[in-house]
Amino acid sequence: MKDIGAYLIGIAVVVLVASLSIYTVNQTQSTLVFQLGEVVAVRTTPGLYFKLPLVQNIRSFDTRIQTLDNKDPERFITSEKKPLLVDYFVKYRIADVKQFYVSVGGDERRAQVRLTQTVNDDLRSEFAKRTVHEAVSGEREKIMGSMRARADSEARQIGVQVLDVRIRRVELTPEVSESVYRRMEAERKRVANELRSTGAGDAEKIRANAERQREVILAEAFRDAQHIKGAGDAKASSIYNAAYSHNPEFYAFYRSLESYQMGLKNKGDVLMLDPSSDFFRYFKNPSATTSKK
């Protein structure tokens, strides 16, 4: 029984020593091995490792991509001395775990504070070079590209790699927004007035051109009408002449009837003529022939 007890105790000691000697490194981690407070090894490859129990200890750090997201927009001044509210976030990861531990003691909050200070200082410098228009819309991509490079260069000093710096929103402060909106409104009114003036001028040109075309069309129509009327009168005269030459007596009689009709059209009409006038020739003798003069 004593041998079995000693055997079990020996197994327990072996298991305990093994548990204190064996550790694993995951794919998302990097591990530092300490001996008497000093870093003696850095494990970045996933796998199973051994350490000296009670002499060495380990500390693991997450090397996945992290997000630094400022809760409140930061206030920056442009080259025009106008304030802007900027909301941004930073994507970073621990690249050198030993440098990270040496620089900030492995404290992620300290690392984020230093990273925030770095990004804020760089953003303040970038916005101070630009106007409101350039900062809001014109050169945002350029600002973010420059920021990423500068922030990464400075973050390397604490063992951090900056993967991206993104500006989510750039807004004017309330006092600046009101003046900008007033200026925009005045500019839009000026453009609208210019468009109305241009439209009125174009309308006058169109009306004048239409009036000119109308006069030309009417003149051409009158000319064509007179031409057609002249041709019709000539044709009518030709027909009259042909009819007169065919039967002069009948033509003279017909013309006399038309004269009677026009001359005595109304009951009150009065004609003062010589009774021997040719006008009454067919009243006196309907079969008379036309006198020759």
C-alpha atoms as a PDB file:
ATOM      1  CA  MET A   1       0.000   0.000   0.000  1.00  0.00           C
ATOM      2  CA  LYS A   2       2.912   2.326   0.798  1.00  0.00           C
ATOM      3  CA  ASP A   3       4.418   1.636  -2.659  1.00  0.00           C
ATOM      4  CA  ILE A   4       1.126   2.474  -4.367  1.00  0.00           C
ATOM      5  CA  GLY A   5       0.837   5.720  -2.394  1.00  0.00           C
ATOM      6  CA  ALA A   6       4.380   6.716  -3.270  1.00  0.00           C
ATOM      7  CA  TYR A   7       3.695   5.860  -6.906  1.00  0.00           C
ATOM      8  CA  LEU A   8       0.589   8.028  -7.006  1.00  0.00           C
ATOM      9  CA  ILE A   9       2.449  10.889  -5.335  1.00  0.00           C
ATOM     10  CA  GLY A  10       5.222  10.567  -7.909  1.00  0.00           C
ATOM     11  CA  ILE A  11       2.694  10.694 -10.757  1.00  0.00           C
ATOM     12  CA  ALA A  12       1.059  13.780  -9.260  1.00  0.00           C
ATOM     13  CA  VAL A  13       4.424  15.519  -8.957  1.00  0.00           C
ATOM     14  CA  VAL A  14       5.273  14.680 -12.550  1.00  0.00           C
ATOM     15  CA  VAL A  15       1.908  16.014 -13.759  1.00  0.00           C
ATOM     16  CA  LEU A  16       2.360  19.171 -11.703  1.00  0.00           C
ATOM     17  CA  VAL A  17       5.870  19.762 -13.022  1.00  0.00           C
ATOM     18  CA  ALA A  18       4.685  19.091 -16.594  1.00  0.00           C
ATOM     19  CA  SER A  19       1.808  21.531 -16.209  1.00  0.00           C
ATOM     20  CA  LEU A  20       4.202  24.186 -14.952  1.00  0.00           C
ATOM     21  CA  SER A  21       6.716  23.471 -17.715  1.00  0.00           C
ATOM     22  CA  ILE A  22       4.490  23.227 -20.797  1.00  0.00           C
ATOM     23  CA  TYR A  23       2.657  26.139 -22.429  1.00  0.00           C
ATOM     24  CA  THR A  24       1.100  26.804 -25.827  1.00  0.00           C
ATOM     25  CA  VAL A  25       1.157  29.779 -28.152  1.00  0.00           C
ATOM     26  CA  ASN A  26      -1.991  30.377 -30.205  1.00  0.00           C
ATOM     27  CA  GLN A  27      -2.102  31.735 -33.766  1.00  0.00           C
ATOM     28  CA  THR A  28      -3.510  35.045 -32.527  1.00  0.00           C
ATOM     29  CA  GLN A  29      -0.837  35.562 -29.861  1.00  0.00           C
ATOM     30  CA  SER A  30       2.792  36.350 -29.265  1.00  0.00           C
ATOM     31  CA  THR A  31       4.349  35.248 -25.957  1.00  0.00           C
ATOM     32  CA  LEU A  32       7.207  36.631 -23.876  1.00  0.00           C
ATOM     33  CA  VAL A  33       9.212  34.294 -21.631  1.00  0.00           C
ATOM     34  CA  PHE A  34      10.561  35.952 -18.472  1.00  0.00           C
ATOM     35  CA  GLN A  35      13.297  34.721 -16.198  1.00  0.00           C
ATOM     36  CA  LEU A  36      13.845  36.652 -13.000  1.00  0.00           C
ATOM     37  CA  GLY A  37      11.967  39.610 -14.548  1.00  0.00           C
ATOM     38  CA  GLU A  38      13.968  39.755 -17.764  1.00  0.00           C
ATOM     39  CA  VAL A  39      12.768  38.761 -21.210  1.00  0.00           C
ATOM     40  CA  VAL A  40      14.705  35.689 -22.312  1.00  0.00           C
ATOM     41  CA  ALA A  41      12.591  34.502 -25.271  1.00  0.00           C
ATOM     42  CA  VAL A  42       9.895  35.701 -27.665  1.00  0.00           C
ATOM     43  CA  ARG A  43       7.503  33.133 -29.077  1.00  0.00           C
ATOM     44  CA  THR A  44       5.618  34.230 -32.207  1.00  0.00           C
ATOM     45  CA  THR A  45       5.132  30.842 -33.900  1.00  0.00           C
ATOM     46  CA  PRO A  46       2.083  28.844 -32.787  1.00  0.00           C
ATOM     47  CA  GLY A  47       2.896  25.555 -31.018  1.00  0.00           C
ATOM     48  CA  LEU A  48       3.782  23.771 -27.790  1.00  0.00           C
ATOM     49  CA  TYR A  49       6.759  25.051 -25.748  1.00  0.00           C
ATOM     50  CA  PHE A  50       8.607  24.282 -22.499  1.00  0.00           C
ATOM     51  CA  LYS A  51       9.838  26.535 -19.728  1.00  0.00           C
ATOM     52  CA  LEU A  52      11.579  26.115 -16.417  1.00  0.00           C
ATOM     53  CA  PRO A  53       8.941  25.769 -13.725  1.00  0.00           C
ATOM     54  CA  LEU A  54       9.043  28.299 -10.891  1.00  0.00           C
ATOM     55  CA  VAL A  55      11.961  30.066 -12.593  1.00  0.00           C
ATOM     56  CA  GLN A  56      10.427  31.220 -15.820  1.00  0.00           C
ATOM     57  CA  ASN A  57       6.996  32.716 -16.418  1.00  0.00           C
ATOM     58  CA  ILE A  58       5.197  33.811 -19.556  1.00  0.00           C
ATOM     59  CA  ARG A  59       2.911  36.585 -20.725  1.00  0.00           C
ATOM     60  CA  SER A  60       0.892  36.477 -23.932  1.00  0.00           C
ATOM     61  CA  PHE A  61      -0.335  39.392 -26.035  1.00  0.00           C
ATOM     62  CA  ASP A  62      -3.098  39.498 -28.632  1.00  0.00           C
ATOM     63  CA  THR A  63      -1.587  40.319 -32.049  1.00  0.00           C
ATOM     64  CA  ARG A  64      -4.865  40.564 -33.951  1.00  0.00           C
ATOM     65  CA  ILE A  65      -5.943  43.853 -35.546  1.00  0.00           C
ATOM     66  CA  GLN A  66      -7.409  46.227 -32.964  1.00  0.00           C
ATOM     67  CA  THR A  67      -9.526  49.349 -33.388  1.00  0.00           C
ATOM     68  CA  LEU A  68      -8.859  52.635 -31.643  1.00  0.00           C
ATOM     69  CA  ASP A  69     -12.140  54.544 -31.795  1.00  0.00           C
ATOM     70  CA  ASN A  70     -12.347  57.982 -30.210  1.00  0.00           C
ATOM     71  CA  LYS A  71     -15.664  58.499 -28.472  1.00  0.00           C
ATOM     72  CA  ASP A  72     -15.966  62.246 -29.072  1.00  0.00           C
ATOM     73  CA  PRO A  73     -14.931  64.173 -32.206  1.00  0.00           C
ATOM     74  CA  GLU A  74     -11.687  66.099 -31.872  1.00  0.00           C
ATOM     75  CA  ARG A  75     -11.518  69.827 -32.576  1.00  0.00           C
ATOM     76  CA  PHE A  76      -8.900  71.030 -35.093  1.00  0.00           C
ATOM     77  CA  ILE A  77      -8.148  74.458 -36.599  1.00  0.00           C
ATOM     78  CA  THR A  78      -7.754  74.992 -40.354  1.00  0.00           C
ATOM     79  CA  SER A  79      -5.415  77.412 -42.109  1.00  0.00           C
ATOM     80  CA  GLU A  80      -8.340  79.884 -42.167  1.00  0.00           C
ATOM     81  CA  LYS A  81      -8.460  79.760 -38.339  1.00  0.00           C
ATOM     82  CA  LYS A  82     -11.810  78.008 -38.441  1.00  0.00           C
ATOM     83  CA  PRO A  83     -12.557  75.028 -36.170  1.00  0.00           C
ATOM     84  CA  LEU A  84     -13.596  71.611 -37.454  1.00  0.00           C
ATOM     85  CA  LEU A  85     -14.923  68.584 -35.579  1.00  0.00           C
ATOM     86  CA  VAL A  86     -13.202  65.412 -36.785  1.00  0.00           C
ATOM     87  CA  ASP A  87     -14.296  61.855 -35.993  1.00  0.00           C
ATOM     88  CA  TYR A  88     -11.760  59.163 -36.858  1.00  0.00           C
ATOM     89  CA  PHE A  89     -10.640  55.637 -36.010  1.00  0.00           C
ATOM     90  CA  VAL A  90      -7.321  53.784 -36.205  1.00  0.00           C
ATOM     91  CA  LYS A  91      -6.620  50.150 -37.120  1.00  0.00           C
ATOM     92  CA  TYR A  92      -3.459  48.798 -35.473  1.00  0.00           C
ATOM     93  CA  ARG A  93      -1.775  45.650 -34.221  1.00  0.00           C
ATOM     94  CA  ILE A  94       1.158  44.699 -32.011  1.00  0.00           C
ATOM     95  CA  ALA A  95       4.049  44.076 -34.388  1.00  0.00           C
ATOM     96  CA  ASP A  96       7.015  43.820 -31.951  1.00  0.00           C
ATOM     97  CA  VAL A  97       5.789  42.319 -28.710  1.00  0.00           C
ATOM     98  CA  LYS A  98       9.089  42.824 -26.862  1.00  0.00           C
ATOM     99  CA  GLN A  99       9.297  46.508 -27.832  1.00  0.00           C
ATOM    100  CA  PHE A 100       5.647  46.850 -26.886  1.00  0.00           C
ATOM    101  CA  TYR A 101       6.376  45.486 -23.416  1.00  0.00           C
ATOM    102  CA  VAL A 102       9.495  47.595 -22.939  1.00  0.00           C
ATOM    103  CA  SER A 103       7.839  50.842 -24.108  1.00  0.00           C
ATOM    104  CA  VAL A 104       4.441  50.714 -22.386  1.00  0.00           C
ATOM    105  CA  GLY A 105       4.867  47.803 -19.991  1.00  0.00           C
ATOM    106  CA  GLY A 106       2.498  45.709 -22.090  1.00  0.00           C
ATOM    107  CA  ASP A 107      -0.401  47.970 -21.074  1.00  0.00           C
ATOM    108  CA  GLU A 108      -2.806  48.331 -23.984  1.00  0.00           C
ATOM    109  CA  ARG A 109      -4.471  51.437 -22.508  1.00  0.00           C
ATOM    110  CA  ARG A 110      -1.126  53.236 -22.293  1.00  0.00           C
ATOM    111  CA  ALA A 111      -0.404  52.213 -25.867  1.00  0.00           C
ATOM    112  CA  GLN A 112      -3.789  53.604 -27.027  1.00  0.00           C
ATOM    113  CA  VAL A 113      -3.194  56.884 -25.166  1.00  0.00           C
ATOM    114  CA  ARG A 114       0.170  57.348 -26.876  1.00  0.00           C
ATOM    115  CA  LEU A 115      -1.306  56.356 -30.237  1.00  0.00           C
ATOM    116  CA  THR A 116      -4.167  58.832 -29.771  1.00  0.00           C
ATOM    117  CA  GLN A 117      -1.729  61.624 -28.925  1.00  0.00           C
ATOM    118  CA  THR A 118       0.340  60.790 -32.007  1.00  0.00           C
ATOM    119  CA  VAL A 119      -2.658  60.771 -34.353  1.00  0.00           C
ATOM    120  CA  ASN A 120      -4.116  63.960 -32.858  1.00  0.00           C
ATOM    121  CA  ASP A 121      -0.822  65.824 -33.224  1.00  0.00           C
ATOM    122  CA  ASP A 122      -0.456  64.685 -36.833  1.00  0.00           C
ATOM    123  CA  LEU A 123      -4.066  65.548 -37.676  1.00  0.00           C
ATOM    124  CA  ARG A 124      -3.671  68.980 -36.108  1.00  0.00           C
ATOM    125  CA  SER A 125      -0.645  69.557 -38.313  1.00  0.00           C
ATOM    126  CA  GLU A 126      -2.421  68.331 -41.454  1.00  0.00           C
ATOM    127  CA  PHE A 127      -5.570  70.411 -40.942  1.00  0.00           C
ATOM    128  CA  ALA A 128      -3.521  73.518 -40.140  1.00  0.00           C
ATOM    129  CA  LYS A 129      -2.156  73.377 -43.712  1.00  0.00           C
ATOM    130  CA  ARG A 130      -5.567  73.259 -45.398  1.00  0.00           C
ATOM    131  CA  THR A 131      -8.689  75.336 -45.870  1.00  0.00           C
ATOM    132  CA  VAL A 132     -12.154  74.198 -44.802  1.00  0.00           C
ATOM    133  CA  HIS A 133     -13.077  73.136 -48.342  1.00  0.00           C
ATOM    134  CA  GLU A 134      -9.878  71.133 -48.770  1.00  0.00           C
ATOM    135  CA  ALA A 135     -10.281  69.451 -45.399  1.00  0.00           C
ATOM    136  CA  VAL A 136     -13.966  68.629 -45.800  1.00  0.00           C
ATOM    137  CA  SER A 137     -14.036  67.287 -49.338  1.00  0.00           C
ATOM    138  CA  GLY A 138     -11.040  68.102 -51.474  1.00  0.00           C
ATOM    139  CA  GLU A 139      -8.096  66.328 -49.852  1.00  0.00           C
ATOM    140  CA  ARG A 140      -9.526  63.865 -47.324  1.00  0.00           C
ATOM    141  CA  GLU A 141      -7.913  60.841 -48.994  1.00  0.00           C
ATOM    142  CA  LYS A 142      -4.575  62.618 -49.114  1.00  0.00           C
ATOM    143  CA  ILE A 143      -4.828  63.478 -45.420  1.00  0.00           C
ATOM    144  CA  MET A 144      -5.622  59.871 -44.468  1.00  0.00           C
ATOM    145  CA  GLY A 145      -2.743  58.489 -46.560  1.00  0.00           C
ATOM    146  CA  SER A 146      -0.248  60.902 -45.025  1.00  0.00           C
ATOM    147  CA  MET A 147      -1.620  60.226 -41.554  1.00  0.00           C
ATOM    148  CA  ARG A 148      -1.267  56.464 -41.866  1.00  0.00           C
ATOM    149  CA  ALA A 149       2.398  56.710 -42.904  1.00  0.00           C
ATOM    150  CA  ARG A 150       3.346  59.195 -40.173  1.00  0.00           C
ATOM    151  CA  ALA A 151       1.375  57.459 -37.414  1.00  0.00           C
ATOM    152  CA  ASP A 152       2.871  54.083 -38.353  1.00  0.00           C
ATOM    153  CA  SER A 153       6.402  55.493 -38.304  1.00  0.00           C
ATOM    154  CA  GLU A 154       5.925  56.911 -34.796  1.00  0.00           C
ATOM    155  CA  ALA A 155       3.954  53.932 -33.476  1.00  0.00           C
ATOM    156  CA  ARG A 156       6.801  51.574 -34.399  1.00  0.00           C
ATOM    157  CA  GLN A 157       8.715  53.070 -31.456  1.00  0.00           C
ATOM    158  CA  ILE A 158       6.325  51.323 -29.079  1.00  0.00           C
ATOM    159  CA  GLY A 159       6.149  48.109 -31.122  1.00  0.00           C
ATOM    160  CA  VAL A 160       2.806  48.899 -32.787  1.00  0.00           C
ATOM    161  CA  GLN A 161       2.006  48.814 -36.494  1.00  0.00           C
ATOM    162  CA  VAL A 162      -0.655  51.257 -37.730  1.00  0.00           C
ATOM    163  CA  LEU A 163      -2.552  49.649 -40.596  1.00  0.00           C
ATOM    164  CA  ASP A 164      -5.023  52.421 -41.370  1.00  0.00           C
ATOM    165  CA  VAL A 165      -6.264  55.808 -40.227  1.00  0.00           C
ATOM    166  CA  ARG A 166      -9.790  56.633 -41.389  1.00  0.00           C
ATOM    167  CA  ILE A 167     -11.667  59.904 -41.047  1.00  0.00           C
ATOM    168  CA  ARG A 168     -15.319  59.034 -40.628  1.00  0.00           C
ATOM    169  CA  ARG A 169     -16.760  62.511 -40.471  1.00  0.00           C
ATOM    170  CA  VAL A 170     -15.581  66.103 -40.735  1.00  0.00           C
ATOM    171  CA  GLU A 171     -18.095  68.674 -39.578  1.00  0.00           C
ATOM    172  CA  LEU A 172     -18.178  72.394 -39.075  1.00  0.00           C
ATOM    173  CA  THR A 173     -18.834  73.687 -35.616  1.00  0.00           C
ATOM    174  CA  PRO A 174     -22.326  75.215 -35.133  1.00  0.00           C
ATOM    175  CA  GLU A 175     -21.062  78.815 -35.213  1.00  0.00           C
ATOM    176  CA  VAL A 176     -19.122  78.231 -38.421  1.00  0.00           C
ATOM    177  CA  SER A 177     -21.919  76.215 -40.034  1.00  0.00           C
ATOM    178  CA  GLU A 178     -24.350  79.127 -39.799  1.00  0.00           C
ATOM    179  CA  SER A 179     -21.993  81.558 -41.548  1.00  0.00           C
ATOM    180  CA  VAL A 180     -21.109  78.966 -44.193  1.00  0.00           C
ATOM    181  CA  TYR A 181     -24.779  78.263 -44.885  1.00  0.00           C
ATOM    182  CA  ARG A 182     -25.485  81.989 -45.234  1.00  0.00           C
ATOM    183  CA  ARG A 183     -22.601  82.344 -47.666  1.00  0.00           C
ATOM    184  CA  MET A 184     -23.794  79.287 -49.612  1.00  0.00           C
ATOM    185  CA  GLU A 185     -27.322  80.705 -49.752  1.00  0.00           C
ATOM    186  CA  ALA A 186     -26.030  84.054 -51.056  1.00  0.00           C
ATOM    187  CA  GLU A 187     -23.929  82.267 -53.656  1.00  0.00           C
ATOM    188  CA  ARG A 188     -26.884  80.161 -54.810  1.00  0.00           C
ATOM    189  CA  LYS A 189     -29.050  83.290 -55.081  1.00  0.00           C
ATOM    190  CA  ARG A 190     -26.361  84.983 -57.160  1.00  0.00           C
ATOM    191  CA  VAL A 191     -26.149  81.994 -59.485  1.00  0.00           C
ATOM    192  CA  ALA A 192     -29.953  81.850 -59.714  1.00  0.00           C
ATOM    193  CA  ASN A 193     -30.134  85.543 -60.642  1.00  0.00           C
ATOM    194  CA  GLU A 194     -27.466  85.059 -63.300  1.00  0.00           C
ATOM    195  CA  LEU A 195     -29.389  82.123 -64.731  1.00  0.00           C
ATOM    196  CA  ARG A 196     -32.634  84.118 -64.732  1.00  0.00           C
ATOM    197  CA  SER A 197     -30.911  87.046 -66.461  1.00  0.00           C
ATOM    198  CA  THR A 198     -29.354  84.754 -69.053  1.00  0.00           C
ATOM    199  CA  GLY A 199     -32.700  83.030 -69.572  1.00  0.00           C
ATOM    200  CA  ALA A 200     -34.496  86.356 -70.034  1.00  0.00           C
ATOM    201  CA  GLY A 201     -31.898  87.459 -72.606  1.00  0.00           C
ATOM    202  CA  ASP A 202     -32.207  84.161 -74.477  1.00  0.00           C
ATOM    203  CA  ALA A 203     -35.993  84.463 -74.370  1.00  0.00           C
ATOM    204  CA  GLU A 204     -35.831  87.941 -75.922  1.00  0.00           C
ATOM    205  CA  LYS A 205     -33.545  86.631 -78.653  1.00  0.00           C
ATOM    206  CA  ILE A 206     -35.922  83.755 -79.351  1.00  0.00           C
ATOM    207  CA  ARG A 207     -38.939  86.069 -79.459  1.00  0.00           C
ATOM    208  CA  ALA A 208     -37.153  88.524 -81.765  1.00  0.00           C
ATOM    209  CA  ASN A 209     -36.082  85.705 -84.049  1.00  0.00           C
ATOM    210  CA  ALA A 210     -39.610  84.283 -84.078  1.00  0.00           C
ATOM    211  CA  GLU A 211     -41.064  87.730 -84.862  1.00  0.00           C
ATOM    212  CA  ARG A 212     -38.590  88.200 -87.691  1.00  0.00           C
ATOM    213  CA  GLN A 213     -39.441  84.783 -89.105  1.00  0.00           C
ATOM    214  CA  ARG A 214     -43.143  85.628 -88.790  1.00  0.00           C
ATOM    215  CA  GLU A 215     -42.691  88.847 -90.772  1.00  0.00           C
ATOM    216  CA  VAL A 216     -40.673  87.002 -93.415  1.00  0.00           C
ATOM    217  CA  ILE A 217     -43.300  84.261 -93.680  1.00  0.00           C
ATOM    218  CA  LEU A 218     -46.143  86.822 -93.948  1.00  0.00           C
ATOM    219  CA  ALA A 219     -44.247  88.812 -96.587  1.00  0.00           C
ATOM    220  CA  GLU A 220     -43.535  85.700 -98.596  1.00  0.00           C
ATOM    221  CA  ALA A 221     -47.153  84.574 -98.222  1.00  0.00           C
ATOM    222  CA  PHE A 222     -48.424  88.005 -99.376  1.00  0.00           C
ATOM    223  CA  ARG A 223     -46.020  87.919-102.311  1.00  0.00           C
ATOM    224  CA  ASP A 224     -47.166  84.428-103.270  1.00  0.00           C
ATOM    225  CA  ALA A 225     -50.825  85.456-102.832  1.00  0.00           C
ATOM    226  CA  GLN A 226     -50.364  88.487-105.069  1.00  0.00           C
ATOM    227  CA  HIS A 227     -48.621  86.349-107.615  1.00  0.00           C
ATOM    228  CA  ILE A 228     -51.422  83.798-107.543  1.00  0.00           C
ATOM    229  CA  LYS A 229     -54.050  86.557-107.638  1.00  0.00           C
ATOM    230  CA  GLY A 230     -52.328  88.218-110.597  1.00  0.00           C
ATOM    231  CA  ALA A 231     -52.147  84.894-112.393  1.00  0.00           C
ATOM    232  CA  GLY A 232     -55.850  84.330-111.641  1.00  0.00           C
ATOM    233  CA  ASP A 233     -56.799  87.803-112.863  1.00  0.00           C
ATOM    234  CA  ALA A 234     -54.793  87.230-116.012  1.00  0.00           C
ATOM    235  CA  LYS A 235     -56.510  83.885-116.536  1.00  0.00           C
ATOM    236  CA  ALA A 236     -59.924  85.457-115.868  1.00  0.00           C
ATOM    237  CA  SER A 237     -59.182  88.258-118.342  1.00  0.00           C
ATOM    238  CA  SER A 238     -58.115  85.696-120.889  1.00  0.00           C
ATOM    239  CA  ILE A 239     -61.375  83.795-120.385  1.00  0.00           C
ATOM    240  CA  TYR A 240     -63.395  87.019-120.578  1.00  0.00           C
ATOM    241  CA  ASN A 241     -61.627  88.014-123.761  1.00  0.00           C
ATOM    242  CA  ALA A 242     -62.213  84.596-125.280  1.00  0.00           C
ATOM    243  CA  ALA A 243     -65.903  84.749-124.317  1.00  0.00           C
ATOM    244  CA  TYR A 244     -66.245  88.322-125.642  1.00  0.00           C
ATOM    245  CA  SER A 245     -64.660  87.465-128.948  1.00  0.00           C
ATOM    246  CA  HIS A 246     -66.894  84.392-129.285  1.00  0.00           C
ATOM    247  CA  ASN A 247     -70.189  86.347-128.828  1.00  0.00           C
ATOM    248  CA  PRO A 248     -69.656  90.069-128.331  1.00  0.00           C
ATOM    249  CA  GLU A 249     -73.364  90.880-128.274  1.00  0.00           C
ATOM    250  CA  PHE A 250     -74.119  88.457-125.446  1.00  0.00           C
ATOM    251  CA  TYR A 251     -71.103  89.666-123.496  1.00  0.00           C
ATOM    252  CA  ALA A 252     -72.227  93.263-123.810  1.00  0.00           C
ATOM    253  CA  PHE A 253     -75.724  92.259-122.686  1.00  0.00           C
ATOM    254  CA  TYR A 254     -74.332  90.363-119.672  1.00  0.00           C
ATOM    255  CA  ARG A 255     -72.108  93.250-118.626  1.00  0.00           C
ATOM    256  CA  SER A 256     -75.084  95.622-118.907  1.00  0.00           C
ATOM    257  CA  LEU A 257     -77.105  93.410-116.584  1.00  0.00           C
ATOM    258  CA  GLU A 258     -74.273  93.463-114.053  1.00  0.00           C
ATOM    259  CA  SER A 259     -74.162  97.249-114.305  1.00  0.00           C
ATOM    260  CA  TYR A 260     -77.919  97.473-113.743  1.00  0.00           C
ATOM    261  CA  GLN A 261     -77.621  95.220-110.712  1.00  0.00           C
ATOM    262  CA  MET A 262     -74.778  97.200-109.156  1.00  0.00           C
ATOM    263  CA  GLY A 263     -76.239 100.602-110.041  1.00  0.00           C
ATOM    264  CA  LEU A 264     -79.769  99.856-108.794  1.00  0.00           C
ATOM    265  CA  LYS A 265     -78.852  97.622-105.912  1.00  0.00           C
ATOM    266  CA  ASN A 266     -80.819  99.548-103.276  1.00  0.00           C
ATOM    267  CA  LYS A 267     -84.307 100.995-103.485  1.00  0.00           C
ATOM    268  CA  GLY A 268     -83.098 104.454-102.578  1.00  0.00           C
ATOM    269  CA  ASP A 269     -80.386 104.544-105.264  1.00  0.00           C
ATOM    270  CA  VAL A 270     -80.766 107.439-107.772  1.00  0.00           C
ATOM    271  CA  LEU A 271     -78.971 107.711-111.126  1.00  0.00           C
ATOM    272  CA  MET A 272     -78.993 110.937-113.124  1.00  0.00           C
ATOM    273  CA  LEU A 273     -78.223 110.002-116.706  1.00  0.00           C
ATOM    274  CA  ASP A 274     -79.145 111.202-120.180  1.00  0.00           C
ATOM    275  CA  PRO A 275     -82.099 109.094-121.440  1.00  0.00           C
ATOM    276  CA  SER A 276     -80.247 108.550-124.659  1.00  0.00           C
ATOM    277  CA  SER A 277     -77.240 107.088-122.789  1.00  0.00           C
ATOM    278  CA  ASP A 278     -76.018 103.620-123.743  1.00  0.00           C
ATOM    279  CA  PHE A 279     -76.712 102.597-120.136  1.00  0.00           C
ATOM    280  CA  PHE A 280     -80.454 102.336-121.017  1.00  0.00           C
ATOM    281  CA  ARG A 281     -79.914 100.854-124.448  1.00  0.00           C
ATOM    282  CA  TYR A 282     -81.207  97.350-123.531  1.00  0.00           C
ATOM    283  CA  PHE A 283     -84.197  98.872-121.696  1.00  0.00           C
ATOM    284  CA  LYS A 284     -85.270 100.583-124.909  1.00  0.00           C
ATOM    285  CA  ASN A 285     -84.423  97.846-127.405  1.00  0.00           C
ATOM    286  CA  PRO A 286     -83.192  94.526-125.940  1.00  0.00           C
ATOM    287  CA  SER A 287     -82.265  93.275-129.404  1.00  0.00           C
ATOM    288  CA  ALA A 288     -80.181  96.360-130.246  1.00  0.00           C
ATOM    289  CA  THR A 289     -76.575  95.956-131.310  1.00  0.00           C
ATOM    290  CA  THR A 290     -73.658  97.706-129.736  1.00  0.00           C
ATOM    291  CA  SER A 291     -73.093 101.138-131.162  1.00  0.00           C
ATOM    292  CA  LYS A 292     -69.843 101.840-132.847  1.00  0.00           C
ATOM    293  CA  LYS A 293     -67.824 104.863-131.886  1.00  0.00           C
END
